[in-house]
All heavy atoms as atom14 arrays in JSON, in Angstrom:
{
  "sequence": "FLFNSYYEAAGPRHARPKRGMLTRPSAAEVGAYRAHVDAAM",
  "atom14_mask": [
    [1, 1, 1, 1, 1, 1, 1, 1, 1, 1, 1, 0, 0, 0],
    [1, 1, 1, 1, 1, 1, 1, 1, 0, 0, 0, 0, 0, 0],
    [1, 1, 1, 1, 1, 1, 1, 1, 1, 1, 1, 0, 0, 0],
    [1, 1, 1, 1, 1, 1, 1, 1, 0, 0, 0, 0, 0, 0],
    [1, 1, 1, 1, 1, 1, 0, 0, 0, 0, 0, 0, 0, 0],
    [1, 1, 1, 1, 1, 1, 1, 1, 1, 1, 1, 1, 0, 0],
    [1, 1, 1, 1, 1, 1, 1, 1, 1, 1, 1, 1, 0, 0],
    [1, 1, 1, 1, 1, 1, 1, 1, 1, 0, 0, 0, 0, 0],
    [1, 1, 1, 1, 1, 0, 0, 0, 0, 0, 0, 0, 0, 0],
    [1, 1, 1, 1, 1, 0, 0, 0, 0, 0, 0, 0, 0, 0],
    [1, 1, 1, 1, 0, 0, 0, 0, 0, 0, 0, 0, 0, 0],
    [1, 1, 1, 1, 1, 1, 1, 0, 0, 0, 0, 0, 0, 0],
    [1, 1, 1, 1, 1, 1, 1, 1, 1, 1, 1, 0, 0, 0],
    [1, 1, 1, 1, 1, 1, 1, 1, 1, 1, 0, 0, 0, 0],
    [1, 1, 1, 1, 1, 0, 0, 0, 0, 0, 0, 0, 0, 0],
    [1, 1, 1, 1, 1, 1, 1, 1, 1, 1, 1, 0, 0, 0],
    [1, 1, 1, 1, 1, 1, 1, 0, 0, 0, 0, 0, 0, 0],
    [1, 1, 1, 1, 1, 1, 1, 1, 1, 0, 0, 0, 0, 0],
    [1, 1, 1, 1, 1, 1, 1, 1, 1, 1, 1, 0, 0, 0],
    [1, 1, 1, 1, 0, 0, 0, 0, 0, 0, 0, 0, 0, 0],
    [1, 1, 1, 1, 1, 1, 1, 1, 0, 0, 0, 0, 0, 0],
    [1, 1, 1, 1, 1, 1, 1, 1, 0, 0, 0, 0, 0, 0],
    [1, 1, 1, 1, 1, 1, 1, 0, 0, 0, 0, 0, 0, 0],
    [1, 1, 1, 1, 1, 1, 1, 1, 1, 1, 1, 0, 0, 0],
    [1, 1, 1, 1, 1, 1, 1, 0, 0, 0, 0, 0, 0, 0],
    [1, 1, 1, 1, 1, 1, 0, 0, 0, 0, 0, 0, 0, 0],
    [1, 1, 1, 1, 1, 0, 0, 0, 0, 0, 0, 0, 0, 0],
    [1, 1, 1, 1, 1, 0, 0, 0, 0, 0, 0, 0, 0, 0],
    [1, 1, 1, 1, 1, 1, 1, 1, 1, 0, 0, 0, 0, 0],
    [1, 1, 1, 1, 1, 1, 1, 0, 0, 0, 0, 0, 0, 0],
    [1, 1, 1, 1, 0, 0, 0, 0, 0, 0, 0, 0, 0, 0],
    [1, 1, 1, 1, 1, 0, 0, 0, 0, 0, 0, 0, 0, 0],
    [1, 1, 1, 1, 1, 1, 1, 1, 1, 1, 1, 1, 0, 0],
    [1, 1, 1, 1, 1, 1, 1, 1, 1, 1, 1, 0, 0, 0],
    [1, 1, 1, 1, 1, 0, 0, 0, 0, 0, 0, 0, 0, 0],
    [1, 1, 1, 1, 1, 1, 1, 1, 1, 1, 0, 0, 0, 0],
    [1, 1, 1, 1, 1, 1, 1, 0, 0, 0, 0, 0, 0, 0],
    [1, 1, 1, 1, 1, 1, 1, 1, 0, 0, 0, 0, 0, 0],
    [1, 1, 1, 1, 1, 0, 0, 0, 0, 0, 0, 0, 0, 0],
    [1, 1, 1, 1, 1, 0, 0, 0, 0, 0, 0, 0, 0, 0],
    [1, 1, 1, 1, 1, 1, 1, 1, 0, 0, 0, 0, 0, 0]
  ],
  "atom14_positions": [
    [[10.99, -6.12, -25.22], [12.21, -5.44, -25.01], [13.41, -6.22, -25.51], [14.28, -5.65, -26.24], [12.42, -5.09, -23.54], [13.74, -4.61, -23.15], [14.05, -3.3, -23.39], [14.7, -5.41, -22.54], [15.31, -2.77, -23.07], [15.96, -4.95, -22.26], [16.23, -3.57, -22.52], [0.0, 0.0, 0.0], [0.0, 0.0, 0.0], [0.0, 0.0, 0.0]],
    [[13.47, -7.49, -25.23], [14.6, -8.33, -25.6], [14.79, -8.47, -27.09], [15.88, -8.6, -27.62], [14.47, -9.69, -25.0], [14.59, -9.83, -23.5], [14.46, -11.21, -23.09], [15.98, -9.28, -23.01], [0.0, 0.0, 0.0], [0.0, 0.0, 0.0], [0.0, 0.0, 0.0], [0.0, 0.0, 0.0], [0.0, 0.0, 0.0], [0.0, 0.0, 0.0]],
    [[13.69, -8.55, -27.9], [13.84, -8.98, -29.26], [13.49, -7.99, -30.21], [13.41, -8.13, -31.43], [13.05, -10.32, -29.51], [13.59, -11.33, -28.63], [12.7, -11.97, -27.63], [14.89, -11.68, -28.65], [13.22, -12.98, -26.84], [15.42, -12.68, -27.79], [14.56, -13.33, -26.87], [0.0, 0.0, 0.0], [0.0, 0.0, 0.0], [0.0, 0.0, 0.0]],
    [[13.14, -6.68, -29.79], [13.03, -5.47, -30.63], [14.4, -5.22, -31.2], [15.44, -5.55, -30.54], [12.49, -4.35, -29.89], [12.19, -3.12, -30.67], [12.5, -3.06, -31.92], [11.68, -2.05, -30.1], [0.0, 0.0, 0.0], [0.0, 0.0, 0.0], [0.0, 0.0, 0.0], [0.0, 0.0, 0.0], [0.0, 0.0, 0.0], [0.0, 0.0, 0.0]],
    [[14.42, -4.7, -32.41], [15.77, -4.38, -33.05], [15.95, -2.91, -33.14], [16.45, -2.28, -32.23], [15.86, -5.09, -34.32], [17.08, -4.85, -34.96], [0.0, 0.0, 0.0], [0.0, 0.0, 0.0], [0.0, 0.0, 0.0], [0.0, 0.0, 0.0], [0.0, 0.0, 0.0], [0.0, 0.0, 0.0], [0.0, 0.0, 0.0], [0.0, 0.0, 0.0]],
    [[15.54, -2.36, -34.25], [15.75, -0.93, -34.52], [14.4, -0.24, -34.63], [14.34, 0.9, -35.09], [16.57, -0.73, -35.8], [17.94, -1.3, -35.7], [18.29, -2.41, -36.36], [18.83, -0.69, -34.84], [19.49, -2.92, -36.31], [20.13, -1.34, -34.74], [20.47, -2.4, -35.41], [21.68, -2.93, -35.42], [0.0, 0.0, 0.0], [0.0, 0.0, 0.0]],
    [[13.34, -0.86, -34.12], [12.02, -0.22, -34.28], [11.75, 0.65, -33.05], [11.09, 0.31, -32.16], [10.9, -1.39, -34.36], [11.19, -2.29, -35.55], [11.98, -3.4, -35.43], [10.64, -2.03, -36.75], [12.16, -4.3, -36.58], [10.87, -2.81, -37.88], [11.64, -3.98, -37.75], [11.86, -4.75, -38.83], [0.0, 0.0, 0.0], [0.0, 0.0, 0.0]],
    [[12.33, 1.81, -33.1], [12.14, 2.82, -31.99], [10.73, 3.1, -31.56], [10.39, 3.24, -30.43], [12.91, 4.13, -32.25], [14.46, 3.76, -32.31], [15.28, 5.09, -32.35], [14.72, 6.1, -31.97], [16.36, 5.03, -32.89], [0.0, 0.0, 0.0], [0.0, 0.0, 0.0], [0.0, 0.0, 0.0], [0.0, 0.0, 0.0], [0.0, 0.0, 0.0]],
    [[9.75, 3.16, -32.62], [8.36, 3.39, -32.34], [7.73, 2.32, -31.57], [6.7, 2.44, -30.97], [7.68, 3.71, -33.67], [0.0, 0.0, 0.0], [0.0, 0.0, 0.0], [0.0, 0.0, 0.0], [0.0, 0.0, 0.0], [0.0, 0.0, 0.0], [0.0, 0.0, 0.0], [0.0, 0.0, 0.0], [0.0, 0.0, 0.0], [0.0, 0.0, 0.0]],
    [[8.38, 1.06, -31.62], [7.8, -0.07, -30.92], [8.3, -0.19, -29.46], [7.91, -1.1, -28.74], [8.09, -1.4, -31.63], [0.0, 0.0, 0.0], [0.0, 0.0, 0.0], [0.0, 0.0, 0.0], [0.0, 0.0, 0.0], [0.0, 0.0, 0.0], [0.0, 0.0, 0.0], [0.0, 0.0, 0.0], [0.0, 0.0, 0.0], [0.0, 0.0, 0.0]],
    [[9.24, 0.77, -29.06], [9.67, 0.72, -27.66], [11.12, 0.54, -27.56], [11.85, 0.38, -28.48], [0.0, 0.0, 0.0], [0.0, 0.0, 0.0], [0.0, 0.0, 0.0], [0.0, 0.0, 0.0], [0.0, 0.0, 0.0], [0.0, 0.0, 0.0], [0.0, 0.0, 0.0], [0.0, 0.0, 0.0], [0.0, 0.0, 0.0], [0.0, 0.0, 0.0]],
    [[11.58, 0.57, -26.25], [13.02, 0.36, -25.98], [13.43, -1.04, -26.34], [12.65, -1.95, -26.56], [13.11, 0.61, -24.51], [11.83, 0.35, -23.96], [10.78, 0.66, -25.05], [0.0, 0.0, 0.0], [0.0, 0.0, 0.0], [0.0, 0.0, 0.0], [0.0, 0.0, 0.0], [0.0, 0.0, 0.0], [0.0, 0.0, 0.0], [0.0, 0.0, 0.0]],
    [[14.78, -1.3, -26.44], [15.26, -2.53, -26.78], [16.62, -2.83, -26.11], [17.26, -1.9, -25.67], [15.49, -2.62, -28.36], [16.43, -1.51, -28.86], [16.26, -1.29, -30.3], [17.1, -0.25, -30.8], [16.82, 1.08, -30.7], [15.75, 1.45, -30.17], [17.68, 1.97, -31.23], [0.0, 0.0, 0.0], [0.0, 0.0, 0.0], [0.0, 0.0, 0.0]],
    [[16.93, -4.1, -26.01], [18.21, -4.54, -25.44], [19.3, -4.22, -26.5], [19.16, -4.32, -27.62], [18.08, -6.11, -25.28], [19.32, -6.67, -24.64], [19.59, -6.52, -23.33], [20.32, -7.52, -25.1], [20.66, -7.19, -23.03], [21.16, -7.78, -24.07], [0.0, 0.0, 0.0], [0.0, 0.0, 0.0], [0.0, 0.0, 0.0], [0.0, 0.0, 0.0]],
    [[20.45, -3.76, -25.93], [21.58, -3.28, -26.8], [22.15, -4.48, -27.77], [22.28, -5.49, -27.24], [22.73, -2.75, -25.97], [0.0, 0.0, 0.0], [0.0, 0.0, 0.0], [0.0, 0.0, 0.0], [0.0, 0.0, 0.0], [0.0, 0.0, 0.0], [0.0, 0.0, 0.0], [0.0, 0.0, 0.0], [0.0, 0.0, 0.0], [0.0, 0.0, 0.0]],
    [[22.26, -4.16, -28.97], [22.77, -5.2, -29.89], [24.02, -5.86, -29.58], [24.14, -7.11, -29.61], [22.86, -4.57, -31.34], [23.32, -5.54, -32.3], [23.44, -4.91, -33.69], [23.75, -5.87, -34.74], [23.74, -5.64, -35.98], [23.39, -4.51, -36.43], [24.03, -6.63, -36.86], [0.0, 0.0, 0.0], [0.0, 0.0, 0.0], [0.0, 0.0, 0.0]],
    [[25.07, -5.15, -29.12], [26.29, -5.7, -28.76], [26.19, -6.77, -27.61], [27.18, -7.5, -27.33], [27.26, -4.62, -28.45], [26.65, -3.41, -29.07], [25.14, -3.62, -29.07], [0.0, 0.0, 0.0], [0.0, 0.0, 0.0], [0.0, 0.0, 0.0], [0.0, 0.0, 0.0], [0.0, 0.0, 0.0], [0.0, 0.0, 0.0], [0.0, 0.0, 0.0]],
    [[25.15, -6.7, -26.85], [25.0, -7.57, -25.63], [23.98, -8.67, -25.83], [23.62, -9.38, -24.87], [24.54, -6.67, -24.44], [25.61, -5.68, -24.08], [25.25, -4.96, -22.87], [26.42, -3.92, -22.51], [26.07, -3.23, -21.26], [0.0, 0.0, 0.0], [0.0, 0.0, 0.0], [0.0, 0.0, 0.0], [0.0, 0.0, 0.0], [0.0, 0.0, 0.0]],
    [[23.59, -8.96, -27.13], [22.61, -10.08, -27.32], [23.21, -11.4, -26.93], [22.42, -12.26, -26.55], [22.13, -9.99, -28.82], [21.38, -8.77, -29.13], [21.06, -8.75, -30.58], [20.28, -7.51, -30.84], [20.1, -7.05, -32.09], [20.55, -7.69, -33.15], [19.43, -5.96, -32.22], [0.0, 0.0, 0.0], [0.0, 0.0, 0.0], [0.0, 0.0, 0.0]],
    [[24.46, -11.58, -27.06], [25.1, -12.83, -26.66], [25.09, -13.1, -25.21], [25.43, -14.19, -24.78], [0.0, 0.0, 0.0], [0.0, 0.0, 0.0], [0.0, 0.0, 0.0], [0.0, 0.0, 0.0], [0.0, 0.0, 0.0], [0.0, 0.0, 0.0], [0.0, 0.0, 0.0], [0.0, 0.0, 0.0], [0.0, 0.0, 0.0], [0.0, 0.0, 0.0]],
    [[24.82, -12.15, -24.47], [24.68, -12.25, -22.86], [23.33, -12.86, -22.46], [23.25, -13.14, -21.31], [24.89, -10.86, -22.28], [26.18, -10.16, -22.64], [27.66, -11.15, -22.13], [27.52, -11.0, -20.34], [0.0, 0.0, 0.0], [0.0, 0.0, 0.0], [0.0, 0.0, 0.0], [0.0, 0.0, 0.0], [0.0, 0.0, 0.0], [0.0, 0.0, 0.0]],
    [[22.39, -12.94, -23.4], [21.07, -13.44, -23.04], [21.04, -15.01, -23.01], [20.73, -15.65, -24.03], [20.09, -12.95, -24.14], [19.87, -11.49, -24.23], [18.96, -11.1, -25.38], [19.36, -10.86, -22.84], [0.0, 0.0, 0.0], [0.0, 0.0, 0.0], [0.0, 0.0, 0.0], [0.0, 0.0, 0.0], [0.0, 0.0, 0.0], [0.0, 0.0, 0.0]],
    [[21.56, -15.54, -21.95], [21.44, -17.0, -21.78], [19.97, -17.45, -21.5], [19.65, -18.64, -21.8], [22.31, -17.49, -20.61], [21.92, -16.91, -19.41], [23.79, -17.19, -20.87], [0.0, 0.0, 0.0], [0.0, 0.0, 0.0], [0.0, 0.0, 0.0], [0.0, 0.0, 0.0], [0.0, 0.0, 0.0], [0.0, 0.0, 0.0], [0.0, 0.0, 0.0]],
    [[19.23, -16.55, -20.99], [17.73, -16.75, -20.86], [16.99, -15.78, -21.67], [17.43, -14.6, -21.74], [17.41, -16.69, -19.41], [18.23, -17.58, -18.38], [17.72, -18.94, -18.49], [18.66, -19.83, -17.65], [18.55, -20.06, -16.43], [17.62, -19.41, -15.74], [19.43, -20.85, -15.82], [0.0, 0.0, 0.0], [0.0, 0.0, 0.0], [0.0, 0.0, 0.0]],
    [[15.94, -16.08, -22.3], [15.28, -17.36, -22.4], [16.12, -18.36, -23.16], [16.98, -18.12, -23.91], [13.96, -17.08, -23.16], [14.32, -15.87, -24.07], [15.33, -15.07, -23.28], [0.0, 0.0, 0.0], [0.0, 0.0, 0.0], [0.0, 0.0, 0.0], [0.0, 0.0, 0.0], [0.0, 0.0, 0.0], [0.0, 0.0, 0.0], [0.0, 0.0, 0.0]],
    [[15.93, -19.62, -22.85], [16.63, -20.72, -23.44], [16.17, -20.88, -24.93], [15.15, -20.33, -25.41], [16.32, -22.0, -22.7], [14.96, -22.35, -23.01], [0.0, 0.0, 0.0], [0.0, 0.0, 0.0], [0.0, 0.0, 0.0], [0.0, 0.0, 0.0], [0.0, 0.0, 0.0], [0.0, 0.0, 0.0], [0.0, 0.0, 0.0], [0.0, 0.0, 0.0]],
    [[16.99, -21.55, -25.64], [16.61, -21.88, -27.07], [15.29, -22.6, -27.13], [14.45, -22.39, -28.05], [17.7, -22.69, -27.79], [0.0, 0.0, 0.0], [0.0, 0.0, 0.0], [0.0, 0.0, 0.0], [0.0, 0.0, 0.0], [0.0, 0.0, 0.0], [0.0, 0.0, 0.0], [0.0, 0.0, 0.0], [0.0, 0.0, 0.0], [0.0, 0.0, 0.0]],
    [[15.04, -23.44, -26.17], [13.82, -24.26, -26.13], [12.6, -23.28, -25.86], [11.55, -23.45, -26.43], [13.77, -25.31, -25.06], [0.0, 0.0, 0.0], [0.0, 0.0, 0.0], [0.0, 0.0, 0.0], [0.0, 0.0, 0.0], [0.0, 0.0, 0.0], [0.0, 0.0, 0.0], [0.0, 0.0, 0.0], [0.0, 0.0, 0.0], [0.0, 0.0, 0.0]],
    [[12.79, -22.27, -25.07], [11.7, -21.35, -24.74], [11.51, -20.43, -25.99], [10.28, -20.1, -26.26], [12.04, -20.44, -23.48], [10.79, -19.58, -23.14], [10.92, -18.83, -21.94], [11.88, -18.9, -21.29], [9.85, -18.2, -21.55], [0.0, 0.0, 0.0], [0.0, 0.0, 0.0], [0.0, 0.0, 0.0], [0.0, 0.0, 0.0], [0.0, 0.0, 0.0]],
    [[12.49, -20.08, -26.76], [12.37, -19.45, -28.04], [11.51, -20.26, -28.96], [10.62, -19.76, -29.62], [13.71, -18.96, -28.54], [13.51, -18.51, -30.0], [14.34, -17.83, -27.73], [0.0, 0.0, 0.0], [0.0, 0.0, 0.0], [0.0, 0.0, 0.0], [0.0, 0.0, 0.0], [0.0, 0.0, 0.0], [0.0, 0.0, 0.0], [0.0, 0.0, 0.0]],
    [[11.78, -21.58, -28.94], [10.94, -22.48, -29.77], [9.53, -22.55, -29.33], [8.61, -22.42, -30.22], [0.0, 0.0, 0.0], [0.0, 0.0, 0.0], [0.0, 0.0, 0.0], [0.0, 0.0, 0.0], [0.0, 0.0, 0.0], [0.0, 0.0, 0.0], [0.0, 0.0, 0.0], [0.0, 0.0, 0.0], [0.0, 0.0, 0.0], [0.0, 0.0, 0.0]],
    [[9.23, -22.45, -28.06], [7.88, -22.34, -27.57], [7.26, -21.01, -27.91], [6.02, -20.97, -28.37], [7.8, -22.54, -25.96], [0.0, 0.0, 0.0], [0.0, 0.0, 0.0], [0.0, 0.0, 0.0], [0.0, 0.0, 0.0], [0.0, 0.0, 0.0], [0.0, 0.0, 0.0], [0.0, 0.0, 0.0], [0.0, 0.0, 0.0], [0.0, 0.0, 0.0]],
    [[8.0, -19.95, -27.89], [7.52, -18.64, -28.35], [7.11, -18.61, -29.86], [6.01, -18.17, -30.19], [8.61, -17.59, -28.1], [8.37, -16.13, -28.5], [7.15, -15.61, -28.37], [9.42, -15.39, -28.98], [6.93, -14.22, -28.74], [9.29, -14.08, -29.3], [8.02, -13.55, -29.22], [7.87, -12.21, -29.55], [0.0, 0.0, 0.0], [0.0, 0.0, 0.0]],
    [[7.98, -19.23, -30.59], [7.62, -19.38, -32.04], [6.38, -20.19, -32.21], [5.52, -19.79, -33.11], [8.87, -19.97, -32.84], [10.08, -19.05, -32.89], [11.22, -19.67, -33.67], [10.98, -20.05, -35.02], [11.14, -19.25, -36.05], [11.44, -17.97, -35.87], [10.91, -19.64, -37.28], [0.0, 0.0, 0.0], [0.0, 0.0, 0.0], [0.0, 0.0, 0.0]],
    [[6.25, -21.3, -31.58], [5.03, -22.14, -31.73], [3.73, -21.36, -31.31], [2.75, -21.43, -31.97], [5.14, -23.4, -30.85], [0.0, 0.0, 0.0], [0.0, 0.0, 0.0], [0.0, 0.0, 0.0], [0.0, 0.0, 0.0], [0.0, 0.0, 0.0], [0.0, 0.0, 0.0], [0.0, 0.0, 0.0], [0.0, 0.0, 0.0], [0.0, 0.0, 0.0]],
    [[3.86, -20.52, -30.22], [2.75, -19.76, -29.75], [2.32, -18.68, -30.85], [1.16, -18.68, -31.19], [3.17, -19.07, -28.48], [2.08, -18.05, -27.94], [1.08, -18.42, -27.17], [2.13, -16.69, -28.11], [0.41, -17.29, -26.94], [1.0, -16.27, -27.46], [0.0, 0.0, 0.0], [0.0, 0.0, 0.0], [0.0, 0.0, 0.0], [0.0, 0.0, 0.0]],
    [[3.27, -18.05, -31.36], [3.03, -17.09, -32.42], [2.53, -17.68, -33.67], [1.6, -17.21, -34.35], [4.23, -16.1, -32.6], [4.12, -15.24, -33.92], [4.39, -15.21, -31.45], [0.0, 0.0, 0.0], [0.0, 0.0, 0.0], [0.0, 0.0, 0.0], [0.0, 0.0, 0.0], [0.0, 0.0, 0.0], [0.0, 0.0, 0.0], [0.0, 0.0, 0.0]],
    [[3.16, -18.77, -34.07], [2.71, -19.5, -35.32], [1.3, -20.01, -35.32], [0.6, -19.87, -36.24], [3.7, -20.62, -35.66], [5.04, -20.19, -36.05], [5.27, -19.05, -36.37], [5.89, -21.1, -36.1], [0.0, 0.0, 0.0], [0.0, 0.0, 0.0], [0.0, 0.0, 0.0], [0.0, 0.0, 0.0], [0.0, 0.0, 0.0], [0.0, 0.0, 0.0]],
    [[0.93, -20.5, -34.13], [-0.52, -20.93, -33.96], [-1.44, -19.72, -34.08], [-2.52, -19.85, -34.77], [-0.75, -21.55, -32.54], [0.0, 0.0, 0.0], [0.0, 0.0, 0.0], [0.0, 0.0, 0.0], [0.0, 0.0, 0.0], [0.0, 0.0, 0.0], [0.0, 0.0, 0.0], [0.0, 0.0, 0.0], [0.0, 0.0, 0.0], [0.0, 0.0, 0.0]],
    [[-1.13, -18.59, -33.5], [-1.92, -17.45, -33.63], [-1.96, -16.93, -35.12], [-2.98, -16.52, -35.63], [-1.58, -16.3, -32.72], [0.0, 0.0, 0.0], [0.0, 0.0, 0.0], [0.0, 0.0, 0.0], [0.0, 0.0, 0.0], [0.0, 0.0, 0.0], [0.0, 0.0, 0.0], [0.0, 0.0, 0.0], [0.0, 0.0, 0.0], [0.0, 0.0, 0.0]],
    [[-0.77, -16.94, -35.75], [-0.72, -16.52, -37.11], [-1.38, -17.45, -38.04], [-2.08, -16.96, -39.07], [0.83, -16.38, -37.58], [1.54, -15.22, -37.08], [0.92, -13.61, -37.72], [1.17, -13.73, -39.53], [0.0, 0.0, 0.0], [0.0, 0.0, 0.0], [0.0, 0.0, 0.0], [0.0, 0.0, 0.0], [0.0, 0.0, 0.0], [0.0, 0.0, 0.0]]
  ]
}
């Protein structure tokens, strides 16, 4: 939900103008997310 953009077929999404309100997840957790996906890729 948080990181979908305009892919309506993939489900609902957080409003673009409010992305700066997302103090969580942290930048470090986004890094962990990237590492998780990169290992699977």
